[in-house]
Amino acid sequence: RANVTVGQPFLLVALSDSRGIKRISPLATPQPVAFEPGTGVGSLRQGIHAPVTLAALQQKEGLNADFTLTLAG
């Protein structure tokens, strides 16, 4: 469609309190991607996100979202 603009896709993890994050590994994709603070979504205020490539989303098997998140409490 000519009137649709696709932005940068990203993987989002919403949390009730981001201060509880102790450690997070990079997103394990062919080229590891670091998570960044915030969700980028107005209605989800707390969390983290990692940009993903359109090519990664178009793979037949989909996106393998492998990462380790260590939380306090």
Protein backbone atom coordinates (compact mmCIF):
# COMPACT_ATOMS: atom_id res chain seq x y z
CA ARG A 1 0.00 0.00 0.00
CA ALA A 2 1.33 3.38 -0.96
CA ASN A 3 0.10 5.12 2.20
CA VAL A 4 1.69 2.71 4.72
CA THR A 5 5.09 3.41 6.24
CA VAL A 6 6.89 0.64 8.08
CA GLY A 7 9.21 1.78 10.86
CA GLN A 8 12.12 0.00 12.51
CA PRO A 9 10.88 -3.32 13.94
CA PHE A 10 11.93 -4.15 17.51
CA LEU A 11 11.51 -6.75 20.22
CA LEU A 12 9.95 -5.31 23.36
CA VAL A 13 9.93 -6.63 26.93
CA ALA A 14 7.52 -4.75 29.21
CA LEU A 15 8.19 -4.79 32.96
CA SER A 16 6.33 -3.34 35.92
CA ASP A 17 9.57 -1.82 37.27
CA SER A 18 12.70 -1.65 35.12
CA ARG A 19 14.83 -0.81 38.17
CA GLY A 20 14.74 -4.53 38.99
CA ILE A 21 16.91 -5.42 35.98
CA LYS A 22 20.25 -6.74 37.22
CA ARG A 23 21.67 -7.96 33.91
CA ILE A 24 20.52 -8.60 30.37
CA SER A 25 22.43 -10.35 27.63
CA PRO A 26 22.38 -9.16 24.03
CA LEU A 27 19.63 -10.54 21.82
CA ALA A 28 21.18 -13.62 20.20
CA THR A 29 20.63 -13.08 16.50
CA PRO A 30 23.18 -13.71 13.72
CA GLN A 31 24.68 -10.38 14.81
CA PRO A 32 24.01 -9.88 18.57
CA VAL A 33 21.97 -6.78 19.37
CA ALA A 34 22.08 -4.92 22.70
CA PHE A 35 18.85 -4.07 24.47
CA GLU A 36 18.12 -0.40 25.08
CA PRO A 37 16.14 1.19 27.92
CA GLY A 38 12.49 2.05 27.39
CA THR A 39 9.80 0.42 25.29
CA GLY A 40 9.18 3.02 22.62
CA VAL A 41 5.46 2.43 23.15
CA GLY A 42 3.54 5.13 24.99
CA SER A 43 1.15 2.80 26.80
CA LEU A 44 4.00 0.58 28.07
CA ARG A 45 6.19 2.86 30.11
CA GLN A 46 8.66 0.45 31.74
CA GLY A 47 10.80 -2.05 29.87
CA ILE A 48 13.51 -2.61 27.31
CA HIS A 49 13.68 -3.03 23.57
CA ALA A 50 16.09 -4.28 20.91
CA PRO A 51 15.94 -3.38 17.23
CA VAL A 52 15.63 -6.30 14.81
CA THR A 53 16.12 -6.35 11.07
CA LEU A 54 13.31 -6.89 8.64
CA ALA A 55 15.36 -9.75 7.16
CA ALA A 56 15.36 -11.50 10.56
CA LEU A 57 11.57 -11.28 10.70
CA GLN A 58 11.14 -12.64 7.18
CA GLN A 59 12.97 -15.90 7.83
CA LYS A 60 10.86 -19.00 7.31
CA GLU A 61 11.30 -20.07 10.94
CA GLY A 62 10.56 -16.57 12.26
CA LEU A 63 12.58 -14.68 14.86
CA ASN A 64 14.39 -16.72 17.51
CA ALA A 65 14.40 -14.35 20.49
CA ASP A 66 17.11 -15.79 22.74
CA PHE A 67 18.40 -13.69 25.64
CA THR A 68 18.96 -13.89 29.40
CA LEU A 69 17.30 -11.42 31.75
CA THR A 70 18.28 -11.41 35.44
CA LEU A 71 15.89 -9.58 37.77
CA ALA A 72 16.17 -8.61 41.44
CA GLY A 73 13.56 -9.88 43.85
